């Protein structure tokens, strides 16, 4: 078994922005030369998440709408009230619920994804920032 880690960086805008990283993850996998195993995509932030979705405009809009309904922005969240100047408690809570990683199998050097499945990063924060990801590949 071999383990390889590939760092990726994205410039994100926040506000539940969705960014497709499927091609970047496949390129990272190809660069390892491994043929079969597992790929984990991990984002090193508490206000962003990794998901697998059908990446089309309607689902992107629906994703934002569902998060706005489930965990709305609210200045009364304790993170905001206890930390002067903070306004992103909802971003942290959304990240906690969705999670910071996904794991995908690969065979013959290619991700094993369904026809419509795409890997995306969702940035829940309230401002633009760079996001660091780790693509970790375990395989042969």
C-alpha atoms as a PDB file:
ATOM      1  CA  UNK A   1       0.000   0.000   0.000  1.00  0.00           C
ATOM      2  CA  UNK A   2       1.208   3.484  -0.874  1.00  0.00           C
ATOM      3  CA  UNK A   3      -0.035   6.757   0.580  1.00  0.00           C
ATOM      4  CA  UNK A   4       0.326  10.031  -1.332  1.00  0.00           C
ATOM      5  CA  UNK A   5      -0.928  13.483  -0.336  1.00  0.00           C
ATOM      6  CA  UNK A   6      -1.516  16.298  -2.807  1.00  0.00           C
ATOM      7  CA  UNK A   7      -2.313  19.823  -1.564  1.00  0.00           C
ATOM      8  CA  UNK A   8      -4.782  22.008  -3.462  1.00  0.00           C
ATOM      9  CA  UNK A   9      -5.700  25.664  -2.893  1.00  0.00           C
ATOM     10  CA  UNK A  10      -8.870  27.431  -4.036  1.00  0.00           C
ATOM     11  CA  UNK A  11      -9.820  31.082  -3.931  1.00  0.00           C
ATOM     12  CA  UNK A  12     -13.413  31.158  -2.735  1.00  0.00           C
ATOM     13  CA  UNK A  13     -15.984  33.928  -2.326  1.00  0.00           C
ATOM     14  CA  UNK A  14     -17.982  32.569   0.633  1.00  0.00           C
ATOM     15  CA  UNK A  15     -21.768  32.914   0.970  1.00  0.00           C
ATOM     16  CA  UNK A  16     -22.388  29.218   0.206  1.00  0.00           C
ATOM     17  CA  UNK A  17     -20.362  29.299  -3.012  1.00  0.00           C
ATOM     18  CA  UNK A  18     -20.106  25.887  -4.685  1.00  0.00           C
ATOM     19  CA  UNK A  19     -16.880  25.041  -6.544  1.00  0.00           C
ATOM     20  CA  UNK A  20     -16.461  21.837  -8.551  1.00  0.00           C
ATOM     21  CA  UNK A  21     -13.108  20.143  -7.843  1.00  0.00           C
ATOM     22  CA  UNK A  22     -13.689  16.797  -9.584  1.00  0.00           C
ATOM     23  CA  UNK A  23     -11.183  17.470 -12.381  1.00  0.00           C
ATOM     24  CA  UNK A  24      -8.554  18.770  -9.938  1.00  0.00           C
ATOM     25  CA  UNK A  25      -8.979  15.667  -7.750  1.00  0.00           C
ATOM     26  CA  UNK A  26      -8.714  13.357 -10.792  1.00  0.00           C
ATOM     27  CA  UNK A  27      -5.512  15.189 -11.865  1.00  0.00           C
ATOM     28  CA  UNK A  28      -4.080  14.821  -8.352  1.00  0.00           C
ATOM     29  CA  UNK A  29      -4.915  11.105  -8.424  1.00  0.00           C
ATOM     30  CA  UNK A  30      -3.326  10.677 -11.875  1.00  0.00           C
ATOM     31  CA  UNK A  31      -0.152  12.343 -10.614  1.00  0.00           C
ATOM     32  CA  UNK A  32       0.301   9.616  -8.008  1.00  0.00           C
ATOM     33  CA  UNK A  33       0.479   6.840 -10.601  1.00  0.00           C
ATOM     34  CA  UNK A  34      -1.633   4.608  -8.372  1.00  0.00           C
ATOM     35  CA  UNK A  35      -4.198   2.364 -10.040  1.00  0.00           C
ATOM     36  CA  UNK A  36      -6.669   1.218  -7.351  1.00  0.00           C
ATOM     37  CA  UNK A  37      -7.592   2.283  -3.844  1.00  0.00           C
ATOM     38  CA  UNK A  38      -9.279   5.179  -2.059  1.00  0.00           C
ATOM     39  CA  UNK A  39      -9.094   8.951  -2.416  1.00  0.00           C
ATOM     40  CA  UNK A  40     -10.052  11.206   0.475  1.00  0.00           C
ATOM     41  CA  UNK A  41     -10.714  14.877  -0.219  1.00  0.00           C
ATOM     42  CA  UNK A  42     -10.360  16.912   2.986  1.00  0.00           C
ATOM     43  CA  UNK A  43     -10.803  20.663   3.458  1.00  0.00           C
ATOM     44  CA  UNK A  44      -8.738  22.223   6.247  1.00  0.00           C
ATOM     45  CA  UNK A  45     -11.387  24.713   7.402  1.00  0.00           C
ATOM     46  CA  UNK A  46     -14.360  24.719   9.790  1.00  0.00           C
ATOM     47  CA  UNK A  47     -16.548  27.005   7.662  1.00  0.00           C
ATOM     48  CA  UNK A  48     -16.456  24.955   4.453  1.00  0.00           C
ATOM     49  CA  UNK A  49     -17.368  21.415   3.438  1.00  0.00           C
ATOM     50  CA  UNK A  50     -16.809  18.763   0.801  1.00  0.00           C
ATOM     51  CA  UNK A  51     -19.846  17.141  -0.850  1.00  0.00           C
ATOM     52  CA  UNK A  52     -20.781  14.929  -3.764  1.00  0.00           C
ATOM     53  CA  UNK A  53     -23.683  16.379  -5.736  1.00  0.00           C
ATOM     54  CA  UNK A  54     -25.180  16.519  -9.205  1.00  0.00           C
ATOM     55  CA  UNK A  55     -23.496  19.781 -10.124  1.00  0.00           C
ATOM     56  CA  UNK A  56     -25.998  21.802 -12.118  1.00  0.00           C
ATOM     57  CA  UNK A  57     -27.379  25.341 -11.567  1.00  0.00           C
ATOM     58  CA  UNK A  58     -30.660  24.204  -9.994  1.00  0.00           C
ATOM     59  CA  UNK A  59     -28.936  22.029  -7.384  1.00  0.00           C
ATOM     60  CA  UNK A  60     -26.451  24.816  -6.647  1.00  0.00           C
ATOM     61  CA  UNK A  61     -29.353  27.228  -5.978  1.00  0.00           C
ATOM     62  CA  UNK A  62     -31.244  24.595  -3.975  1.00  0.00           C
ATOM     63  CA  UNK A  63     -28.120  23.824  -1.913  1.00  0.00           C
ATOM     64  CA  UNK A  64     -27.829  27.470  -0.896  1.00  0.00           C
ATOM     65  CA  UNK A  65     -31.563  27.672  -0.166  1.00  0.00           C
ATOM     66  CA  UNK A  66     -31.607  24.565   2.026  1.00  0.00           C
ATOM     67  CA  UNK A  67     -28.646  25.769   4.099  1.00  0.00           C
ATOM     68  CA  UNK A  68     -30.233  29.212   4.497  1.00  0.00           C
ATOM     69  CA  UNK A  69     -33.378  27.494   5.837  1.00  0.00           C
ATOM     70  CA  UNK A  70     -31.689  24.869   8.017  1.00  0.00           C
ATOM     71  CA  UNK A  71     -29.035  27.076   9.630  1.00  0.00           C
ATOM     72  CA  UNK A  72     -29.810  30.750   8.976  1.00  0.00           C
ATOM     73  CA  UNK A  73     -27.412  33.596   9.597  1.00  0.00           C
ATOM     74  CA  UNK A  74     -28.314  35.085  12.972  1.00  0.00           C
ATOM     75  CA  UNK A  75     -26.397  37.704  14.967  1.00  0.00           C
ATOM     76  CA  UNK A  76     -27.700  36.055  18.155  1.00  0.00           C
ATOM     77  CA  UNK A  77     -25.680  32.848  17.673  1.00  0.00           C
ATOM     78  CA  UNK A  78     -23.325  32.581  20.673  1.00  0.00           C
ATOM     79  CA  UNK A  79     -20.175  32.463  18.516  1.00  0.00           C
ATOM     80  CA  UNK A  80     -21.127  35.892  17.169  1.00  0.00           C
ATOM     81  CA  UNK A  81     -22.098  37.439  20.502  1.00  0.00           C
ATOM     82  CA  UNK A  82     -19.088  36.105  22.439  1.00  0.00           C
ATOM     83  CA  UNK A  83     -16.506  37.037  19.789  1.00  0.00           C
ATOM     84  CA  UNK A  84     -16.672  40.722  18.937  1.00  0.00           C
ATOM     85  CA  UNK A  85     -16.844  41.324  15.195  1.00  0.00           C
ATOM     86  CA  UNK A  86     -17.715  37.746  14.262  1.00  0.00           C
ATOM     87  CA  UNK A  87     -20.698  37.116  11.996  1.00  0.00           C
ATOM     88  CA  UNK A  88     -20.066  33.577  10.787  1.00  0.00           C
ATOM     89  CA  UNK A  89     -21.474  31.272  13.470  1.00  0.00           C
ATOM     90  CA  UNK A  90     -23.896  29.829  10.913  1.00  0.00           C
ATOM     91  CA  UNK A  91     -20.905  29.042   8.680  1.00  0.00           C
ATOM     92  CA  UNK A  92     -19.282  26.950  11.417  1.00  0.00           C
ATOM     93  CA  UNK A  93     -22.552  25.168  12.212  1.00  0.00           C
ATOM     94  CA  UNK A  94     -23.148  24.316   8.548  1.00  0.00           C
ATOM     95  CA  UNK A  95     -19.614  22.963   8.295  1.00  0.00           C
ATOM     96  CA  UNK A  96     -20.174  20.804  11.366  1.00  0.00           C
ATOM     97  CA  UNK A  97     -23.305  19.277   9.869  1.00  0.00           C
ATOM     98  CA  UNK A  98     -21.947  18.664   6.372  1.00  0.00           C
ATOM     99  CA  UNK A  99     -18.394  17.636   7.261  1.00  0.00           C
ATOM    100  CA  UNK A 100     -14.934  18.302   5.916  1.00  0.00           C
ATOM    101  CA  UNK A 101     -14.214  15.195   3.823  1.00  0.00           C
ATOM    102  CA  UNK A 102     -15.450  12.589   1.392  1.00  0.00           C
ATOM    103  CA  UNK A 103     -13.833   9.310   0.352  1.00  0.00           C
ATOM    104  CA  UNK A 104     -14.139   7.923  -3.173  1.00  0.00           C
ATOM    105  CA  UNK A 105     -12.826   4.602  -4.510  1.00  0.00           C
ATOM    106  CA  UNK A 106     -10.745   4.499  -7.682  1.00  0.00           C
ATOM    107  CA  UNK A 107      -9.948   1.756 -10.193  1.00  0.00           C
ATOM    108  CA  UNK A 108      -7.653   1.820 -13.225  1.00  0.00           C
ATOM    109  CA  UNK A 109      -6.455   5.253 -12.062  1.00  0.00           C
ATOM    110  CA  UNK A 110      -9.943   6.811 -12.333  1.00  0.00           C
ATOM    111  CA  UNK A 111     -12.391   7.958  -9.681  1.00  0.00           C
ATOM    112  CA  UNK A 112     -15.387   5.623  -9.350  1.00  0.00           C
ATOM    113  CA  UNK A 113     -18.212   8.166  -9.451  1.00  0.00           C
ATOM    114  CA  UNK A 114     -21.755   7.738 -10.710  1.00  0.00           C
ATOM    115  CA  UNK A 115     -22.858   9.383 -13.953  1.00  0.00           C
ATOM    116  CA  UNK A 116     -23.980  12.630 -12.297  1.00  0.00           C
ATOM    117  CA  UNK A 117     -21.743  12.638  -9.221  1.00  0.00           C
ATOM    118  CA  UNK A 118     -19.290  15.503  -8.885  1.00  0.00           C
ATOM    119  CA  UNK A 119     -17.041  16.508  -5.973  1.00  0.00           C
ATOM    120  CA  UNK A 120     -17.633  20.068  -4.792  1.00  0.00           C
ATOM    121  CA  UNK A 121     -16.428  22.418  -2.094  1.00  0.00           C
ATOM    122  CA  UNK A 122     -19.081  24.551  -0.423  1.00  0.00           C
ATOM    123  CA  UNK A 123     -17.768  27.704   1.253  1.00  0.00           C
ATOM    124  CA  UNK A 124     -20.214  28.775   3.945  1.00  0.00           C
ATOM    125  CA  UNK A 125     -18.179  31.690   5.300  1.00  0.00           C
ATOM    126  CA  UNK A 126     -19.201  35.342   5.109  1.00  0.00           C
ATOM    127  CA  UNK A 127     -16.143  36.574   3.230  1.00  0.00           C
ATOM    128  CA  UNK A 128     -13.747  35.610   0.474  1.00  0.00           C
ATOM    129  CA  UNK A 129     -10.650  33.613   1.374  1.00  0.00           C
ATOM    130  CA  UNK A 130      -8.255  30.943   0.169  1.00  0.00           C
ATOM    131  CA  UNK A 131      -9.205  27.372   1.020  1.00  0.00           C
ATOM    132  CA  UNK A 132      -6.679  24.579   1.489  1.00  0.00           C
ATOM    133  CA  UNK A 133      -7.532  21.001   0.599  1.00  0.00           C
ATOM    134  CA  UNK A 134      -5.665  17.738   0.894  1.00  0.00           C
ATOM    135  CA  UNK A 135      -6.237  14.971  -1.608  1.00  0.00           C
ATOM    136  CA  UNK A 136      -4.917  11.855   0.093  1.00  0.00           C
ATOM    137  CA  UNK A 137      -4.628   8.714  -1.978  1.00  0.00           C
ATOM    138  CA  UNK A 138      -4.181   5.233  -0.531  1.00  0.00           C
ATOM    139  CA  UNK A 139      -3.649   2.482  -3.042  1.00  0.00           C
ATOM    140  CA  UNK A 140      -1.490   0.349  -5.262  1.00  0.00           C
END
